[in-house]
Amino acid sequence: MGAVTDDEVIRKRLLIDGDGAGDDRRINLLVKSFIKWCNSGSQEEGYSQYQRMLSTLSQCEFSMGKTLLVYDMNLREMENYEKIYKEIECSIAGAHEKIAECKKQILQAKRIRKNRQEYDALAKVIQHHPDRHETLKELEALGKELEHLSHIKESVEDKLELRRKQFHVLLSTIHELQQTLENDDKLSEVDEAQESTMEADPKP
């Protein structure tokens, strides 16, 4: 078998003693020293065992104090970690709020961009049409022309009405003339018939 390294010895001590302070060993040593002190035969040996017990107790008290300090430090670290955890949670919540706000700003920016694009498109269409002043001038000119045409229409309608009346009078006159001519033809036929009768019956 190979030689046992220092790392393996330290690892075994950590597994046996917990944190490596050797409390179990000191307690066992203290018990053995107490038994030896109780069974000591001479005063010098009892004093020596007594000093060893005091030394072991001092080491145990130091180890206990060290353990308490480590425990307090661990508690403070845990409190610090909880504080940091809460700060991280608050930071995450704030980041989520900022992300939501950024999303709203992005949507608003997209709407503004879309509106600007539509505005530019309308502006290009409007540029191809005359401005409002010119349009009003054209509308005014068209209004005057429409008014003039309306007068012409009224004048034409008046003339047509006059011509219609004149044509009606003309037709009435032609009808009367036709009646007169027909009456004249009838009278001529009667006269001719009378003359023929007179010629056929001579006087005696």
N, C-alpha and C. Protein backbone atom coordinates (compact mmCIF):
# COMPACT_ATOMS: atom_id res chain seq x y z
N MET A 1 0.84 -1.19 0.00
CA MET A 1 0.00 0.00 0.00
C MET A 1 0.88 1.24 0.00
N GLY A 2 0.42 2.27 -0.70
CA GLY A 2 1.17 3.50 -0.78
C GLY A 2 1.01 4.33 0.47
N ALA A 3 1.85 5.34 0.59
CA ALA A 3 1.80 6.23 1.77
C ALA A 3 0.55 7.10 1.71
N VAL A 4 -0.02 7.38 2.90
CA VAL A 4 -1.23 8.21 2.98
C VAL A 4 -0.81 9.67 2.88
N THR A 5 -1.42 10.41 1.96
CA THR A 5 -1.07 11.80 1.75
C THR A 5 -1.72 12.68 2.81
N ASP A 6 -1.24 13.95 2.88
CA ASP A 6 -1.80 14.91 3.84
C ASP A 6 -3.23 15.26 3.50
N ASP A 7 -3.56 15.33 2.23
CA ASP A 7 -4.94 15.66 1.83
C ASP A 7 -5.91 14.59 2.30
N GLU A 8 -5.48 13.31 2.23
CA GLU A 8 -6.37 12.24 2.68
C GLU A 8 -6.57 12.29 4.18
N VAL A 9 -5.49 12.62 4.94
CA VAL A 9 -5.61 12.73 6.40
C VAL A 9 -6.56 13.86 6.76
N ILE A 10 -6.40 15.00 6.10
CA ILE A 10 -7.27 16.15 6.38
C ILE A 10 -8.71 15.82 6.02
N ARG A 11 -8.90 15.11 4.91
CA ARG A 11 -10.25 14.72 4.48
C ARG A 11 -10.90 13.80 5.52
N LYS A 12 -10.14 12.84 6.05
CA LYS A 12 -10.69 11.94 7.07
C LYS A 12 -11.03 12.69 8.34
N ARG A 13 -10.17 13.64 8.74
CA ARG A 13 -10.46 14.41 9.94
C ARG A 13 -11.73 15.26 9.77
N LEU A 14 -11.89 15.82 8.57
CA LEU A 14 -13.10 16.60 8.31
C LEU A 14 -14.33 15.72 8.38
N LEU A 15 -14.22 14.49 7.86
CA LEU A 15 -15.37 13.59 7.92
C LEU A 15 -15.68 13.17 9.35
N ILE A 16 -14.65 13.01 10.20
CA ILE A 16 -14.87 12.57 11.57
C ILE A 16 -15.28 13.73 12.47
N ASP A 17 -14.58 14.85 12.35
CA ASP A 17 -14.80 15.98 13.27
C ASP A 17 -15.87 16.94 12.82
N GLY A 18 -16.36 16.79 11.65
CA GLY A 18 -17.37 17.74 11.15
C GLY A 18 -16.71 18.91 10.48
N ASP A 19 -16.35 19.96 11.25
CA ASP A 19 -15.72 21.14 10.66
C ASP A 19 -14.20 21.11 10.82
N GLY A 20 -13.67 20.01 11.36
CA GLY A 20 -12.22 19.89 11.46
C GLY A 20 -11.64 20.51 12.71
N ALA A 21 -12.48 20.95 13.66
CA ALA A 21 -11.96 21.59 14.87
C ALA A 21 -11.48 20.58 15.91
N GLY A 22 -11.87 19.29 15.78
CA GLY A 22 -11.44 18.26 16.71
C GLY A 22 -12.14 18.30 18.04
N ASP A 23 -13.41 18.71 18.06
CA ASP A 23 -14.15 18.80 19.33
C ASP A 23 -14.30 17.44 19.99
N ASP A 24 -14.62 16.43 19.18
CA ASP A 24 -14.78 15.08 19.76
C ASP A 24 -13.49 14.61 20.42
N ARG A 25 -12.40 14.88 19.75
CA ARG A 25 -11.10 14.46 20.31
C ARG A 25 -10.80 15.18 21.61
N ARG A 26 -11.10 16.47 21.66
CA ARG A 26 -10.84 17.23 22.89
C ARG A 26 -11.73 16.75 24.03
N ILE A 27 -12.98 16.45 23.72
CA ILE A 27 -13.89 15.96 24.77
C ILE A 27 -13.41 14.62 25.31
N ASN A 28 -13.01 13.75 24.39
CA ASN A 28 -12.48 12.46 24.83
C ASN A 28 -11.21 12.65 25.67
N LEU A 29 -10.36 13.59 25.22
CA LEU A 29 -9.14 13.86 25.98
C LEU A 29 -9.45 14.43 27.35
N LEU A 30 -10.50 15.32 27.41
CA LEU A 30 -10.91 15.90 28.68
C LEU A 30 -11.43 14.82 29.65
N VAL A 31 -12.21 13.89 29.13
CA VAL A 31 -12.73 12.79 29.97
C VAL A 31 -11.59 11.92 30.49
N LYS A 32 -10.64 11.60 29.61
CA LYS A 32 -9.49 10.79 30.04
C LYS A 32 -8.66 11.52 31.09
N SER A 33 -8.50 12.87 30.86
CA SER A 33 -7.73 13.64 31.85
C SER A 33 -8.45 13.70 33.18
N PHE A 34 -9.78 13.80 33.13
CA PHE A 34 -10.55 13.83 34.38
C PHE A 34 -10.44 12.50 35.12
N ILE A 35 -10.46 11.39 34.37
CA ILE A 35 -10.33 10.07 35.01
C ILE A 35 -8.94 9.91 35.62
N LYS A 36 -7.92 10.35 34.86
CA LYS A 36 -6.56 10.27 35.39
C LYS A 36 -6.41 11.16 36.61
N TRP A 37 -7.06 12.34 36.54
CA TRP A 37 -6.96 13.26 37.69
C TRP A 37 -7.59 12.64 38.94
N CYS A 38 -8.74 11.96 38.71
CA CYS A 38 -9.42 11.30 39.83
C CYS A 38 -8.56 10.16 40.40
N ASN A 39 -7.82 9.48 39.52
CA ASN A 39 -7.02 8.33 39.93
C ASN A 39 -5.56 8.69 40.19
N SER A 40 -5.24 9.98 40.18
CA SER A 40 -3.85 10.38 40.36
C SER A 40 -3.38 10.02 41.77
N GLY A 41 -2.12 9.55 41.88
CA GLY A 41 -1.61 9.13 43.19
C GLY A 41 -0.91 10.26 43.92
N SER A 42 -0.24 11.13 43.17
CA SER A 42 0.52 12.21 43.82
C SER A 42 -0.10 13.56 43.49
N GLN A 43 0.28 14.56 44.26
CA GLN A 43 -0.25 15.91 44.07
C GLN A 43 0.29 16.52 42.78
N GLU A 44 1.55 16.21 42.45
CA GLU A 44 2.12 16.76 41.22
C GLU A 44 1.41 16.21 39.99
N GLU A 45 1.17 14.92 40.04
CA GLU A 45 0.45 14.31 38.89
C GLU A 45 -0.97 14.85 38.80
N GLY A 46 -1.65 15.05 39.96
CA GLY A 46 -3.00 15.63 39.93
C GLY A 46 -2.99 17.05 39.42
N TYR A 47 -1.94 17.82 39.82
CA TYR A 47 -1.86 19.21 39.32
C TYR A 47 -1.62 19.24 37.82
N SER A 48 -0.76 18.32 37.37
CA SER A 48 -0.48 18.25 35.93
C SER A 48 -1.75 17.89 35.15
N GLN A 49 -2.50 16.91 35.68
CA GLN A 49 -3.75 16.55 35.00
C GLN A 49 -4.76 17.70 35.05
N TYR A 50 -4.72 18.42 36.19
CA TYR A 50 -5.63 19.58 36.32
C TYR A 50 -5.30 20.65 35.28
N GLN A 51 -4.03 20.93 35.07
CA GLN A 51 -3.62 21.91 34.07
C GLN A 51 -4.01 21.46 32.65
N ARG A 52 -3.87 20.15 32.42
CA ARG A 52 -4.28 19.63 31.10
C ARG A 52 -5.79 19.81 30.87
N MET A 53 -6.57 19.54 31.95
CA MET A 53 -8.02 19.73 31.82
C MET A 53 -8.36 21.19 31.55
N LEU A 54 -7.68 22.11 32.26
CA LEU A 54 -7.94 23.54 32.02
C LEU A 54 -7.57 23.92 30.59
N SER A 55 -6.47 23.38 30.12
CA SER A 55 -6.04 23.67 28.75
C SER A 55 -7.06 23.13 27.74
N THR A 56 -7.52 21.91 28.02
CA THR A 56 -8.50 21.31 27.10
C THR A 56 -9.82 22.08 27.15
N LEU A 57 -10.23 22.51 28.36
CA LEU A 57 -11.45 23.32 28.48
C LEU A 57 -11.30 24.65 27.73
N SER A 58 -10.11 25.26 27.84
CA SER A 58 -9.87 26.51 27.12
C SER A 58 -9.97 26.30 25.61
N GLN A 59 -9.42 25.19 25.16
CA GLN A 59 -9.51 24.88 23.73
C GLN A 59 -10.96 24.64 23.30
N CYS A 60 -11.70 23.94 24.19
CA CYS A 60 -13.13 23.70 23.86
C CYS A 60 -13.91 25.01 23.85
N GLU A 61 -13.65 25.89 24.83
CA GLU A 61 -14.33 27.18 24.88
C GLU A 61 -13.96 28.01 23.65
N PHE A 62 -12.67 27.97 23.27
CA PHE A 62 -12.25 28.70 22.07
C PHE A 62 -12.93 28.15 20.82
N SER A 63 -13.00 26.81 20.76
CA SER A 63 -13.65 26.19 19.61
C SER A 63 -15.14 26.53 19.58
N MET A 64 -15.76 26.52 20.81
CA MET A 64 -17.18 26.88 20.86
C MET A 64 -17.39 28.33 20.45
N GLY A 65 -16.52 29.21 20.94
CA GLY A 65 -16.63 30.62 20.54
C GLY A 65 -16.45 30.80 19.04
N LYS A 66 -15.47 30.06 18.53
CA LYS A 66 -15.25 30.13 17.08
C LYS A 66 -16.47 29.62 16.31
N THR A 67 -17.06 28.52 16.85
CA THR A 67 -18.25 27.97 16.17
C THR A 67 -19.41 28.95 16.23
N LEU A 68 -19.56 29.62 17.41
CA LEU A 68 -20.63 30.62 17.53
C LEU A 68 -20.40 31.78 16.58
N LEU A 69 -19.13 32.20 16.48
CA LEU A 69 -18.82 33.29 15.54
C LEU A 69 -19.13 32.88 14.11
N VAL A 70 -18.77 31.64 13.78
CA VAL A 70 -19.07 31.16 12.42
C VAL A 70 -20.57 31.07 12.21
N TYR A 71 -21.29 30.63 13.25
CA TYR A 71 -22.75 30.52 13.15
C TYR A 71 -23.38 31.91 12.96
N ASP A 72 -22.90 32.88 13.79
CA ASP A 72 -23.40 34.26 13.63
C ASP A 72 -23.06 34.80 12.25
N MET A 73 -21.86 34.51 11.80
CA MET A 73 -21.46 34.98 10.47
C MET A 73 -22.35 34.35 9.39
N ASN A 74 -22.67 33.06 9.58
CA ASN A 74 -23.54 32.39 8.61
C ASN A 74 -24.94 33.00 8.63
N LEU A 75 -25.43 33.33 9.86
CA LEU A 75 -26.75 33.98 9.95
C LEU A 75 -26.74 35.33 9.23
N ARG A 76 -25.66 36.10 9.49
CA ARG A 76 -25.58 37.40 8.81
C ARG A 76 -25.47 37.23 7.30
N GLU A 77 -24.72 36.21 6.88
CA GLU A 77 -24.61 35.94 5.45
C GLU A 77 -25.96 35.55 4.85
N MET A 78 -26.72 34.73 5.62
CA MET A 78 -28.04 34.33 5.14
C MET A 78 -28.95 35.55 5.03
N GLU A 79 -28.91 36.43 6.07
CA GLU A 79 -29.71 37.65 6.01
C GLU A 79 -29.27 38.51 4.83
N ASN A 80 -27.95 38.58 4.64
CA ASN A 80 -27.45 39.36 3.52
C ASN A 80 -27.89 38.76 2.19
N TYR A 81 -27.84 37.40 2.10
CA TYR A 81 -28.28 36.74 0.88
C TYR A 81 -29.78 36.96 0.65
N GLU A 82 -30.58 36.91 1.74
CA GLU A 82 -32.02 37.18 1.59
C GLU A 82 -32.26 38.60 1.12
N LYS A 83 -31.49 39.53 1.69
CA LYS A 83 -31.62 40.92 1.26
C LYS A 83 -31.26 41.07 -0.22
N ILE A 84 -30.13 40.41 -0.59
CA ILE A 84 -29.72 40.46 -2.00
C ILE A 84 -30.76 39.80 -2.88
N TYR A 85 -31.34 38.67 -2.39
CA TYR A 85 -32.37 37.98 -3.16
C TYR A 85 -33.60 38.87 -3.38
N LYS A 86 -34.00 39.56 -2.28
CA LYS A 86 -35.14 40.48 -2.42
C LYS A 86 -34.81 41.63 -3.38
N GLU A 87 -33.58 42.14 -3.27
CA GLU A 87 -33.17 43.20 -4.20
C GLU A 87 -33.18 42.69 -5.64
N ILE A 88 -32.72 41.44 -5.83
CA ILE A 88 -32.72 40.87 -7.18
C ILE A 88 -34.16 40.70 -7.69
N GLU A 89 -35.06 40.24 -6.77
CA GLU A 89 -36.46 40.10 -7.16
C GLU A 89 -37.04 41.46 -7.54
N CYS A 90 -36.73 42.49 -6.72
CA CYS A 90 -37.22 43.84 -7.04
C CYS A 90 -36.64 44.31 -8.38
N SER A 91 -35.35 44.00 -8.59
CA SER A 91 -34.73 44.39 -9.86
C SER A 91 -35.38 43.67 -11.03
N ILE A 92 -35.69 42.38 -10.84
CA ILE A 92 -36.35 41.61 -11.90
C ILE A 92 -37.74 42.17 -12.19
N ALA A 93 -38.50 42.49 -11.08
CA ALA A 93 -39.82 43.08 -11.27
C ALA A 93 -39.71 44.42 -11.99
N GLY A 94 -38.72 45.24 -11.56
CA GLY A 94 -38.52 46.52 -12.25
C GLY A 94 -38.14 46.33 -13.71
N ALA A 95 -37.30 45.30 -13.95
CA ALA A 95 -36.92 45.03 -15.35
C ALA A 95 -38.13 44.62 -16.17
N HIS A 96 -39.03 43.79 -15.57
CA HIS A 96 -40.25 43.40 -16.29
C HIS A 96 -41.12 44.63 -16.58
N GLU A 97 -41.23 45.53 -15.60
CA GLU A 97 -42.01 46.75 -15.83
C GLU A 97 -41.38 47.59 -16.93
N LYS A 98 -40.04 47.71 -16.89
CA LYS A 98 -39.37 48.48 -17.94
C LYS A 98 -39.56 47.83 -19.31
N ILE A 99 -39.50 46.48 -19.33
CA ILE A 99 -39.71 45.77 -20.61
C ILE A 99 -41.11 46.02 -21.13
N ALA A 100 -42.12 45.96 -20.20
CA ALA A 100 -43.50 46.23 -20.62
C ALA A 100 -43.64 47.66 -21.12
N GLU A 101 -43.00 48.60 -20.41
CA GLU A 101 -43.05 50.00 -20.85
C GLU A 101 -42.35 50.18 -22.19
N CYS A 102 -41.24 49.50 -22.37
CA CYS A 102 -40.52 49.57 -23.66
C CYS A 102 -41.37 48.99 -24.79
N LYS A 103 -42.09 47.90 -24.49
CA LYS A 103 -42.97 47.32 -25.51
C LYS A 103 -44.05 48.32 -25.90
N LYS A 104 -44.63 49.02 -24.88
CA LYS A 104 -45.63 50.05 -25.19
C LYS A 104 -45.03 51.15 -26.05
N GLN A 105 -43.81 51.58 -25.68
CA GLN A 105 -43.15 52.64 -26.46
C GLN A 105 -42.86 52.17 -27.88
N ILE A 106 -42.49 50.88 -28.02
CA ILE A 106 -42.22 50.35 -29.37
C ILE A 106 -43.50 50.34 -30.19
N LEU A 107 -44.62 49.91 -29.58
CA LEU A 107 -45.89 49.90 -30.30
C LEU A 107 -46.30 51.32 -30.69
N GLN A 108 -46.09 52.27 -29.76
CA GLN A 108 -46.43 53.66 -30.07
C GLN A 108 -45.53 54.18 -31.19
N ALA A 109 -44.25 53.83 -31.12
CA ALA A 109 -43.33 54.27 -32.18
C ALA A 109 -43.72 53.67 -33.53
N LYS A 110 -44.17 52.40 -33.51
CA LYS A 110 -44.62 51.78 -34.76
C LYS A 110 -45.85 52.50 -35.32
N ARG A 111 -46.80 52.85 -34.41
CA ARG A 111 -47.99 53.59 -34.87
C ARG A 111 -47.60 54.94 -35.44
N ILE A 112 -46.69 55.64 -34.74
CA ILE A 112 -46.24 56.95 -35.23
C ILE A 112 -45.56 56.81 -36.59
N ARG A 113 -44.74 55.77 -36.72
CA ARG A 113 -44.06 55.55 -38.00
C ARG A 113 -45.07 55.25 -39.10
N LYS A 114 -46.08 54.42 -38.78
CA LYS A 114 -47.10 54.09 -39.78
C LYS A 114 -47.88 55.35 -40.17
N ASN A 115 -48.23 56.17 -39.16
CA ASN A 115 -48.95 57.41 -39.45
C ASN A 115 -48.11 58.35 -40.31
N ARG A 116 -46.81 58.40 -40.01
CA ARG A 116 -45.93 59.26 -40.82
C ARG A 116 -45.85 58.76 -42.25
N GLN A 117 -45.77 57.44 -42.41
CA GLN A 117 -45.73 56.90 -43.77
C GLN A 117 -47.02 57.21 -44.52
N GLU A 118 -48.17 57.05 -43.84
CA GLU A 118 -49.45 57.39 -44.48
C GLU A 118 -49.51 58.89 -44.79
N TYR A 119 -48.99 59.71 -43.87
CA TYR A 119 -49.00 61.15 -44.10
C TYR A 119 -48.13 61.51 -45.31
N ASP A 120 -46.94 60.88 -45.40
CA ASP A 120 -46.08 61.15 -46.56
C ASP A 120 -46.75 60.73 -47.86
N ALA A 121 -47.44 59.57 -47.83
CA ALA A 121 -48.13 59.11 -49.03
C ALA A 121 -49.24 60.10 -49.42
N LEU A 122 -50.02 60.57 -48.42
CA LEU A 122 -51.07 61.55 -48.72
C LEU A 122 -50.47 62.86 -49.21
N ALA A 123 -49.34 63.24 -48.61
CA ALA A 123 -48.70 64.49 -49.03
C ALA A 123 -48.27 64.40 -50.49
N LYS A 124 -47.74 63.23 -50.89
CA LYS A 124 -47.33 63.07 -52.29
C LYS A 124 -48.55 63.14 -53.22
N VAL A 125 -49.67 62.54 -52.78
CA VAL A 125 -50.88 62.61 -53.60
C VAL A 125 -51.38 64.04 -53.69
N ILE A 126 -51.34 64.75 -52.57
CA ILE A 126 -51.83 66.14 -52.55
C ILE A 126 -50.97 67.04 -53.42
N GLN A 127 -49.66 66.75 -53.46
CA GLN A 127 -48.77 67.59 -54.27
C GLN A 127 -49.12 67.53 -55.75
N HIS A 128 -49.73 66.42 -56.19
CA HIS A 128 -50.10 66.30 -57.60
C HIS A 128 -51.40 67.05 -57.91
N HIS A 129 -52.10 67.57 -56.93
CA HIS A 129 -53.34 68.30 -57.13
C HIS A 129 -53.11 69.79 -56.87
N PRO A 130 -53.91 70.64 -57.51
CA PRO A 130 -53.74 72.09 -57.27
C PRO A 130 -54.06 72.44 -55.83
N ASP A 131 -53.51 73.59 -55.43
CA ASP A 131 -53.74 73.99 -54.04
C ASP A 131 -55.16 74.54 -53.87
N ARG A 132 -55.50 74.87 -52.66
CA ARG A 132 -56.86 75.28 -52.32
C ARG A 132 -57.23 76.61 -52.98
N HIS A 133 -56.28 77.53 -53.03
CA HIS A 133 -56.56 78.83 -53.62
C HIS A 133 -56.91 78.70 -55.10
N GLU A 134 -56.10 77.92 -55.82
CA GLU A 134 -56.39 77.72 -57.25
C GLU A 134 -57.70 76.98 -57.44
N THR A 135 -57.97 76.01 -56.57
CA THR A 135 -59.22 75.28 -56.68
C THR A 135 -60.42 76.18 -56.46
N LEU A 136 -60.29 77.09 -55.48
CA LEU A 136 -61.40 78.04 -55.23
C LEU A 136 -61.60 78.96 -56.43
N LYS A 137 -60.49 79.36 -57.04
CA LYS A 137 -60.61 80.20 -58.24
C LYS A 137 -61.32 79.44 -59.35
N GLU A 138 -60.92 78.19 -59.55
CA GLU A 138 -61.57 77.39 -60.58
C GLU A 138 -63.05 77.18 -60.28
N LEU A 139 -63.37 76.93 -59.01
CA LEU A 139 -64.78 76.78 -58.63
C LEU A 139 -65.56 78.06 -58.86
N GLU A 140 -64.94 79.19 -58.55
CA GLU A 140 -65.62 80.48 -58.77
C GLU A 140 -65.87 80.70 -60.26
N ALA A 141 -64.84 80.38 -61.09
CA ALA A 141 -65.00 80.54 -62.53
C ALA A 141 -66.08 79.60 -63.06
N LEU A 142 -66.08 78.37 -62.56
CA LEU A 142 -67.11 77.43 -62.99
C LEU A 142 -68.49 77.87 -62.53
N GLY A 143 -68.57 78.49 -61.36
CA GLY A 143 -69.86 79.00 -60.90
C GLY A 143 -70.39 80.12 -61.79
N LYS A 144 -69.47 81.00 -62.17
CA LYS A 144 -69.90 82.09 -63.08
C LYS A 144 -70.32 81.53 -64.43
N GLU A 145 -69.54 80.56 -64.93
CA GLU A 145 -69.90 79.96 -66.21
C GLU A 145 -71.24 79.24 -66.12
N LEU A 146 -71.46 78.56 -65.00
CA LEU A 146 -72.73 77.88 -64.81
C LEU A 146 -73.89 78.87 -64.74
N GLU A 147 -73.64 79.99 -64.09
CA GLU A 147 -74.68 81.01 -64.02
C GLU A 147 -74.99 81.57 -65.42
N HIS A 148 -73.90 81.80 -66.19
CA HIS A 148 -74.09 82.30 -67.55
C HIS A 148 -74.86 81.29 -68.40
N LEU A 149 -74.50 80.02 -68.28
CA LEU A 149 -75.21 78.99 -69.03
C LEU A 149 -76.67 78.88 -68.58
N SER A 150 -76.91 79.13 -67.30
CA SER A 150 -78.28 79.10 -66.81
C SER A 150 -79.11 80.22 -67.44
N HIS A 151 -78.51 81.40 -67.56
CA HIS A 151 -79.21 82.50 -68.24
C HIS A 151 -79.48 82.17 -69.71
N ILE A 152 -78.44 81.58 -70.36
CA ILE A 152 -78.64 81.19 -71.76
C ILE A 152 -79.77 80.16 -71.87
N LYS A 153 -79.81 79.23 -70.95
CA LYS A 153 -80.86 78.22 -70.97
C LYS A 153 -82.24 78.87 -70.82
N GLU A 154 -82.33 79.80 -69.86
CA GLU A 154 -83.62 80.48 -69.68
C GLU A 154 -84.02 81.25 -70.94
N SER A 155 -83.01 81.88 -71.56
CA SER A 155 -83.30 82.63 -72.78
C SER A 155 -83.77 81.69 -73.89
N VAL A 156 -83.07 80.55 -74.04
CA VAL A 156 -83.46 79.58 -75.07
C VAL A 156 -84.85 79.03 -74.79
N GLU A 157 -85.13 78.74 -73.52
CA GLU A 157 -86.46 78.23 -73.17
C GLU A 157 -87.55 79.26 -73.46
N ASP A 158 -87.24 80.53 -73.18
CA ASP A 158 -88.22 81.59 -73.52
C ASP A 158 -88.46 81.66 -75.02
N LYS A 159 -87.38 81.57 -75.79
CA LYS A 159 -87.54 81.61 -77.25
C LYS A 159 -88.33 80.41 -77.75
N LEU A 160 -88.02 79.23 -77.17
CA LEU A 160 -88.76 78.03 -77.57
C LEU A 160 -90.24 78.15 -77.23
N GLU A 161 -90.52 78.74 -76.09
CA GLU A 161 -91.93 78.94 -75.72
C GLU A 161 -92.61 79.91 -76.69
N LEU A 162 -91.89 80.99 -77.03
CA LEU A 162 -92.45 81.94 -77.99
C LEU A 162 -92.67 81.29 -79.35
N ARG A 163 -91.68 80.50 -79.80
CA ARG A 163 -91.84 79.82 -81.09
C ARG A 163 -92.99 78.80 -81.04
N ARG A 164 -93.12 78.14 -79.89
CA ARG A 164 -94.22 77.19 -79.76
C ARG A 164 -95.58 77.90 -79.89
N LYS A 165 -95.70 79.05 -79.22
CA LYS A 165 -96.95 79.81 -79.33
C LYS A 165 -97.19 80.29 -80.75
N GLN A 166 -96.11 80.80 -81.38
CA GLN A 166 -96.25 81.27 -82.76
C GLN A 166 -96.63 80.12 -83.68
N PHE A 167 -96.01 78.96 -83.48
CA PHE A 167 -96.35 77.80 -84.30
C PHE A 167 -97.80 77.38 -84.08
N HIS A 168 -98.24 77.46 -82.82
CA HIS A 168 -99.63 77.14 -82.54
C HIS A 168 -100.58 78.11 -83.26
N VAL A 169 -100.23 79.39 -83.22
CA VAL A 169 -101.05 80.39 -83.93
C VAL A 169 -101.04 80.11 -85.43
N LEU A 170 -99.86 79.75 -85.93
CA LEU A 170 -99.75 79.45 -87.35
C LEU A 170 -100.61 78.25 -87.73
N LEU A 171 -100.56 77.20 -86.89
CA LEU A 171 -101.40 76.03 -87.17
C LEU A 171 -102.88 76.37 -87.12
N SER A 172 -103.24 77.21 -86.17
CA SER A 172 -104.65 77.63 -86.08
C SER A 172 -105.07 78.41 -87.33
N THR A 173 -104.18 79.28 -87.77
CA THR A 173 -104.48 80.07 -88.97
C THR A 173 -104.61 79.18 -90.20
N ILE A 174 -103.67 78.21 -90.32
CA ILE A 174 -103.73 77.28 -91.45
C ILE A 174 -105.02 76.48 -91.38
N HIS A 175 -105.40 76.06 -90.18
CA HIS A 175 -106.64 75.29 -90.05
C HIS A 175 -107.86 76.14 -90.45
N GLU A 176 -107.87 77.36 -89.99
CA GLU A 176 -108.99 78.25 -90.38
C GLU A 176 -109.00 78.50 -91.89
N LEU A 177 -107.81 78.70 -92.44
CA LEU A 177 -107.73 78.92 -93.89
C LEU A 177 -108.22 77.70 -94.64
N GLN A 178 -107.85 76.52 -94.13
CA GLN A 178 -108.30 75.28 -94.76
C GLN A 178 -109.82 75.16 -94.69
N GLN A 179 -110.38 75.51 -93.56
CA GLN A 179 -111.83 75.47 -93.42
C GLN A 179 -112.50 76.45 -94.40
N THR A 180 -111.87 77.60 -94.47
CA THR A 180 -112.43 78.61 -95.39
C THR A 180 -112.39 78.13 -96.83
N LEU A 181 -111.26 77.55 -97.20
CA LEU A 181 -111.13 77.04 -98.57
C LEU A 181 -112.12 75.92 -98.83
N GLU A 182 -112.32 75.07 -97.85
CA GLU A 182 -113.28 73.99 -98.02
C GLU A 182 -114.70 74.56 -98.16
N ASN A 183 -115.02 75.56 -97.37
CA ASN A 183 -116.35 76.20 -97.49
C ASN A 183 -116.52 76.85 -98.86
N ASP A 184 -115.39 77.48 -99.28
CA ASP A 184 -115.48 78.11 -100.60
C ASP A 184 -115.69 77.06 -101.69
N ASP A 185 -115.05 75.91 -101.58
CA ASP A 185 -115.23 74.84 -102.56
C ASP A 185 -116.67 74.34 -102.55
N LYS A 186 -117.26 74.21 -101.40
CA LYS A 186 -118.64 73.75 -101.30
C LYS A 186 -119.60 74.76 -101.94
N LEU A 187 -119.38 76.03 -101.69
CA LEU A 187 -120.23 77.07 -102.29
C LEU A 187 -120.11 77.06 -103.82
N SER A 188 -118.87 76.84 -104.27
CA SER A 188 -118.66 76.81 -105.73
C SER A 188 -119.40 75.61 -106.33
N GLU A 189 -119.39 74.51 -105.65
CA GLU A 189 -120.09 73.33 -106.16
C GLU A 189 -121.60 73.56 -106.18
N VAL A 190 -122.10 74.23 -105.15
CA VAL A 190 -123.55 74.52 -105.13
C VAL A 190 -123.91 75.45 -106.29
N ASP A 191 -123.09 76.48 -106.47
CA ASP A 191 -123.37 77.43 -107.56
C ASP A 191 -123.32 76.72 -108.91
N GLU A 192 -122.35 75.85 -109.06
CA GLU A 192 -122.26 75.14 -110.34
C GLU A 192 -123.46 74.23 -110.53
N ALA A 193 -123.93 73.64 -109.48
CA ALA A 193 -125.09 72.75 -109.59
C ALA A 193 -126.34 73.55 -109.97
N GLN A 194 -126.47 74.72 -109.38
CA GLN A 194 -127.63 75.56 -109.70
C GLN A 194 -127.57 76.01 -111.15
N GLU A 195 -126.40 76.38 -111.55
CA GLU A 195 -126.26 76.82 -112.95
C GLU A 195 -126.59 75.67 -113.92
N SER A 196 -126.17 74.50 -113.60
CA SER A 196 -126.47 73.35 -114.47
C SER A 196 -127.96 73.07 -114.52
N THR A 197 -128.63 73.25 -113.43
CA THR A 197 -130.06 73.03 -113.37
C THR A 197 -130.80 74.05 -114.22
N MET A 198 -130.34 75.28 -114.14
CA MET A 198 -130.98 76.33 -114.89
C MET A 198 -130.76 76.10 -116.39
N GLU A 199 -129.69 75.66 -116.78
CA GLU A 199 -129.44 75.42 -118.19
C GLU A 199 -130.28 74.23 -118.70
N ALA A 200 -130.48 73.27 -117.85
CA ALA A 200 -131.24 72.08 -118.26
C ALA A 200 -132.70 72.39 -118.38
N ASP A 201 -133.27 73.34 -117.66
CA ASP A 201 -134.69 73.71 -117.68
C ASP A 201 -134.78 75.14 -118.23
N PRO A 202 -134.84 75.36 -119.59
CA PRO A 202 -134.97 76.74 -120.16
C PRO A 202 -136.38 77.27 -119.98
N LYS A 203 -136.49 78.54 -119.92
CA LYS A 203 -137.81 79.20 -119.77
C LYS A 203 -138.62 79.07 -121.06
N PRO A 204 -140.03 78.93 -120.96
CA PRO A 204 -140.87 78.81 -122.18
C PRO A 204 -141.06 80.13 -122.87
